[in-house]
Protein backbone atom coordinates (compact mmCIF):
# COMPACT_ATOMS: atom_id res chain seq x y z
CA MET A 1 147.02 141.12 71.99
CA HIS A 2 144.13 139.33 73.70
CA THR A 3 142.29 139.02 70.36
CA PHE A 4 145.43 137.75 68.65
CA LEU A 5 146.01 135.05 71.27
CA THR A 6 142.35 134.07 71.12
CA GLU A 7 142.60 133.63 67.35
CA VAL A 8 145.69 131.46 67.76
CA ARG A 9 143.93 129.29 70.33
CA GLN A 10 140.75 129.02 68.27
CA THR A 11 142.77 127.97 65.23
CA VAL A 12 144.70 125.25 67.05
CA PHE A 13 142.08 124.26 69.65
CA PRO A 14 138.66 125.45 68.44
CA ASP A 15 135.78 125.60 70.89
CA ARG A 16 133.17 122.90 70.74
CA GLY A 17 130.39 124.07 68.47
CA SER A 18 132.49 126.67 66.61
CA LYS A 19 131.18 127.39 63.12
CA GLU A 20 134.24 125.83 61.44
CA GLY A 21 134.42 122.91 63.85
CA PRO A 22 137.68 120.92 63.74
CA LEU A 23 138.61 122.08 60.23
CA PRO A 24 141.16 124.83 61.12
CA PRO A 25 143.60 122.59 63.05
CA LEU A 26 143.24 119.84 60.44
CA LEU A 27 144.05 122.28 57.63
CA VAL A 28 146.95 123.67 59.65
CA THR A 29 148.27 120.12 59.84
CA LEU A 30 148.00 119.78 56.06
CA THR A 31 149.94 123.05 55.75
CA PHE A 32 152.68 121.38 57.76
CA VAL A 33 152.60 118.47 55.30
CA THR A 34 153.05 120.92 52.43
CA GLY A 35 156.23 122.25 54.01
CA VAL A 36 157.58 118.73 54.49
CA VAL A 37 156.81 117.61 50.93
CA ASP A 38 158.14 120.74 49.25
CA ALA A 39 161.34 120.49 51.30
CA PHE A 40 161.79 116.97 49.95
CA SER A 41 161.04 117.94 46.35
CA TYR A 42 163.33 120.97 46.31
CA LEU A 43 166.26 119.38 48.10
CA VAL A 44 166.06 115.88 46.63
CA LEU A 45 164.44 116.28 43.22
CA GLY A 46 166.23 119.46 42.15
CA HIS A 47 164.90 122.98 41.86
CA VAL A 48 161.25 122.01 41.69
CA PHE A 49 158.24 122.32 43.97
CA VAL A 50 155.34 119.88 43.99
CA ALA A 51 152.95 122.07 46.00
CA ASN A 52 153.84 125.72 45.46
CA MET A 53 153.08 126.21 41.79
CA THR A 54 153.98 129.91 41.77
CA GLY A 55 157.57 128.86 42.36
CA ASN A 56 157.41 126.33 39.53
CA VAL A 57 156.16 128.92 37.05
CA VAL A 58 159.13 131.11 37.99
CA PHE A 59 161.51 128.13 37.82
CA LEU A 60 160.15 127.25 34.39
CA GLY A 61 160.96 130.78 33.24
CA PHE A 62 164.49 130.39 34.62
CA ALA A 63 164.90 127.06 32.82
CA LEU A 64 163.63 128.47 29.53
CA ALA A 65 166.21 131.24 29.83
CA GLY A 66 168.95 128.65 30.29
CA ALA A 67 169.69 129.23 33.98
CA PRO A 68 171.80 126.36 35.37
CA GLY A 69 170.24 123.98 37.89
CA PHE A 70 166.67 124.36 36.62
CA SER A 71 164.80 121.84 34.46
CA ILE A 72 162.08 122.59 31.92
CA GLY A 73 160.91 118.98 32.17
CA ALA A 74 160.73 118.85 35.97
CA SER A 75 158.81 122.12 36.27
CA ALA A 76 156.48 121.21 33.41
CA VAL A 77 155.73 117.76 34.86
CA ALA A 78 155.05 119.25 38.29
CA LEU A 79 152.67 121.86 36.83
CA ALA A 80 150.84 119.35 34.61
CA LEU A 81 150.41 116.67 37.27
CA PHE A 82 149.42 119.21 39.93
CA TRP A 83 146.71 120.35 37.50
CA LEU A 84 145.59 116.74 37.15
CA GLY A 85 145.48 116.30 40.91
CA ALA A 86 143.50 119.51 41.29
CA PHE A 87 141.10 118.28 38.62
CA VAL A 88 140.56 115.03 40.52
CA GLY A 89 140.21 116.95 43.78
CA GLY A 90 137.65 119.25 42.18
CA ARG A 91 135.55 116.31 41.00
CA VAL A 92 135.75 114.74 44.45
CA GLY A 93 134.82 118.02 46.11
CA ARG A 94 131.65 118.32 44.05
CA SER A 95 130.61 114.82 45.08
CA PHE A 96 130.19 115.78 48.74
CA ASN A 97 128.07 118.26 50.65
CA HIS A 98 129.79 117.34 53.91
CA ARG A 99 133.17 118.96 54.48
CA GLY A 100 134.32 116.29 56.92
CA ARG A 101 133.71 113.45 54.49
CA LEU A 102 135.27 115.48 51.69
CA LEU A 103 138.44 116.07 53.69
CA SER A 104 138.59 112.43 54.74
CA THR A 105 138.23 111.19 51.16
CA SER A 106 140.66 113.65 49.62
CA THR A 107 143.22 112.93 52.34
CA GLY A 108 142.86 109.22 51.60
CA ILE A 109 143.58 109.81 47.91
CA GLU A 110 146.50 112.06 48.77
CA SER A 111 147.89 109.45 51.18
CA ALA A 112 147.81 106.82 48.44
CA PHE A 113 150.01 108.92 46.16
CA VAL A 114 152.38 109.85 48.98
CA ALA A 115 152.65 106.14 49.83
CA VAL A 116 153.66 105.50 46.22
CA ALA A 117 156.27 108.22 46.58
CA VAL A 118 157.61 106.58 49.76
CA VAL A 119 158.10 103.32 47.86
CA LEU A 120 159.76 105.10 44.94
CA ALA A 121 162.07 107.05 47.23
CA SER A 122 163.02 103.84 49.02
CA LEU A 123 163.93 102.16 45.73
CA SER A 124 165.76 105.09 44.16
CA GLY A 125 169.44 105.63 44.62
CA SER A 126 171.21 108.73 45.85
CA PRO A 127 171.23 110.94 43.90
CA VAL A 128 167.81 109.98 42.59
CA ALA A 129 167.92 108.51 39.09
CA THR A 130 166.10 110.44 36.35
CA GLY A 131 163.29 107.92 35.98
CA TYR A 132 162.57 107.86 39.70
CA ARG A 133 162.87 111.65 39.86
CA TYR A 134 160.06 112.24 37.40
CA ALA A 135 157.89 109.51 38.92
CA LEU A 136 158.32 111.10 42.36
CA ILE A 137 157.50 114.55 41.01
CA ALA A 138 154.36 113.15 39.34
CA ALA A 139 153.09 111.25 42.40
CA LEU A 140 153.68 114.12 44.82
CA ALA A 141 152.31 116.81 42.49
CA ILE A 142 149.08 114.85 42.04
CA ALA A 143 148.81 114.41 45.81
CA MET A 144 149.27 118.11 46.47
CA GLY A 145 146.86 119.06 43.69
CA VAL A 146 144.18 116.94 45.35
CA GLN A 147 144.92 118.57 48.72
CA ASN A 148 144.73 122.09 47.33
CA ALA A 149 141.47 121.48 45.49
CA ALA A 150 139.92 120.01 48.64
CA ALA A 151 141.07 122.97 50.74
CA ARG A 152 139.60 125.33 48.15
CA HIS A 153 136.24 123.54 48.27
CA ILE A 154 136.22 123.40 52.08
CA ALA A 155 136.86 127.15 52.02
CA VAL A 156 138.07 127.98 55.52
CA ALA A 157 139.41 131.54 55.43
CA ASP A 158 143.22 131.82 55.29
CA MET A 159 143.59 128.03 55.32
CA THR A 160 144.65 127.25 51.75
CA THR A 161 147.34 124.78 53.01
CA THR A 162 149.81 126.02 50.39
CA VAL A 163 149.75 129.64 49.21
CA LEU A 164 151.08 132.02 51.86
CA THR A 165 151.59 135.16 49.80
CA GLN A 166 148.10 136.49 50.48
CA THR A 167 148.30 135.25 54.07
CA ILE A 168 151.46 137.25 54.73
CA THR A 169 150.02 140.23 52.85
CA GLY A 170 146.96 140.10 55.11
CA LEU A 171 149.14 140.04 58.22
CA ALA A 172 150.68 143.35 57.19
CA ALA A 173 147.91 145.11 55.27
CA ASP A 174 145.16 144.31 57.79
CA SER A 175 147.25 145.05 60.88
CA ALA A 176 146.25 147.79 63.30
CA VAL A 177 149.47 149.65 62.49
CA ALA A 178 148.38 149.81 58.83
CA GLY A 179 144.96 151.09 59.89
CA GLY A 180 143.22 147.74 59.62
CA THR A 181 141.35 145.64 62.15
CA GLY A 182 144.01 142.96 62.50
CA SER A 183 141.34 140.41 61.65
CA ARG A 184 142.52 136.78 61.67
CA SER A 185 146.15 137.74 62.26
CA GLY A 186 146.46 134.94 64.79
CA ARG A 187 145.16 132.34 62.33
CA ARG A 188 147.37 133.66 59.55
CA LEU A 189 150.47 133.49 61.69
CA VAL A 190 149.66 129.90 62.68
CA ALA A 191 149.48 128.97 58.98
CA VAL A 192 152.86 130.59 58.28
CA VAL A 193 154.47 128.87 61.26
CA ALA A 194 153.00 125.50 60.24
CA MET A 195 154.58 125.79 56.80
CA LEU A 196 157.90 126.89 58.31
CA VAL A 197 157.97 124.01 60.80
CA GLY A 198 157.04 121.55 58.06
CA ALA A 199 159.85 122.79 55.82
CA LEU A 200 162.27 122.61 58.77
CA ALA A 201 161.22 119.04 59.60
CA GLY A 202 161.39 117.95 55.96
CA ALA A 203 164.80 119.52 55.42
CA ALA A 204 166.13 118.01 58.65
CA CYS A 205 165.02 114.54 57.52
CA VAL A 206 166.63 114.95 54.09
CA LEU A 207 169.89 116.49 55.28
CA HIS A 208 170.50 114.68 58.55
CA VAL A 209 168.58 111.38 58.53
CA HIS A 210 167.48 109.83 55.22
CA VAL A 211 165.71 111.29 52.19
CA VAL A 212 162.73 108.92 52.51
CA TYR A 213 161.95 109.80 56.13
CA GLY A 214 160.44 113.17 55.25
CA LEU A 215 157.89 111.44 53.04
CA VAL A 216 157.24 108.85 55.75
CA LEU A 217 156.56 111.69 58.18
CA ALA A 218 154.15 113.29 55.71
CA LEU A 219 152.37 109.97 55.17
CA VAL A 220 151.96 109.35 58.90
CA VAL A 221 150.55 112.83 59.45
CA LEU A 222 148.14 112.40 56.52
CA ALA A 223 146.97 109.06 57.91
CA VAL A 224 146.25 110.67 61.28
CA VAL A 225 144.33 113.53 59.63
CA GLY A 226 142.35 111.03 57.56
CA VAL A 227 141.36 108.91 60.56
CA ILE A 228 140.44 111.89 62.72
CA THR A 229 138.41 113.46 59.93
CA ARG A 230 136.58 110.20 59.20
CA VAL A 231 135.61 109.83 62.86
CA LEU A 232 134.54 113.46 63.24
CA GLY A 233 132.81 113.39 59.86
CA ARG A 234 130.25 110.92 61.15
CA SER A 235 128.63 113.73 63.06
CA GLY A 236 126.66 116.59 61.62
CA GLY A 237 126.87 120.18 62.74
CA SER A 238 127.00 123.47 60.92
CA TRP A 239 130.75 123.13 60.27
CA ALA A 240 130.17 120.13 58.02
CA ALA A 241 127.92 121.85 55.48
CA THR A 242 129.59 123.02 52.26
């Protein structure tokens, strides 16, 4: 239990001079953003995710089989534009050998596309018209593709900001009860909770406030991450090296 609590604390409030520096809490924050954005896309744009591509592949299969409520076009656009965003994020990632500057730059690009989505969501009606729907899917999928590629290049263990299947698998398979060491269980649980809280916040905005407010929340959080990362990225330290 002591090790678990220490891992939770180190993930949220890392010690000065830790080998991963401020990256874990920043990536946890981006995981929260993923939950917010996917809540918006699923609840407002139909049965489609803009961050969790595993779900979209499954949804595309449903749509191809003729299941009601699923769209071949929406899933295909999300997959294609996420790929484009990941491509851009990959090119950006290879332009930096400093993880702080990489995260700052990629978050700036992501924020720009989320800002476009905020404008589109503000202009669209309710329910969202088809043209706005596909434009929103495209903008958000590109943004999340950039985020995922950056997280992949930064390579902090169990901090992918999107995919939780392996994270949850690790919580069970590596637990002491299963004969494992329980390594990073605290960090993994923080990532799961961040996604859950993000989805809760996003859904609450959509269902009880206004559809655009979830995206505004995501944009504000991204702006904060970008500013913090830019300031911290001015320093060196072992955490910054790719």
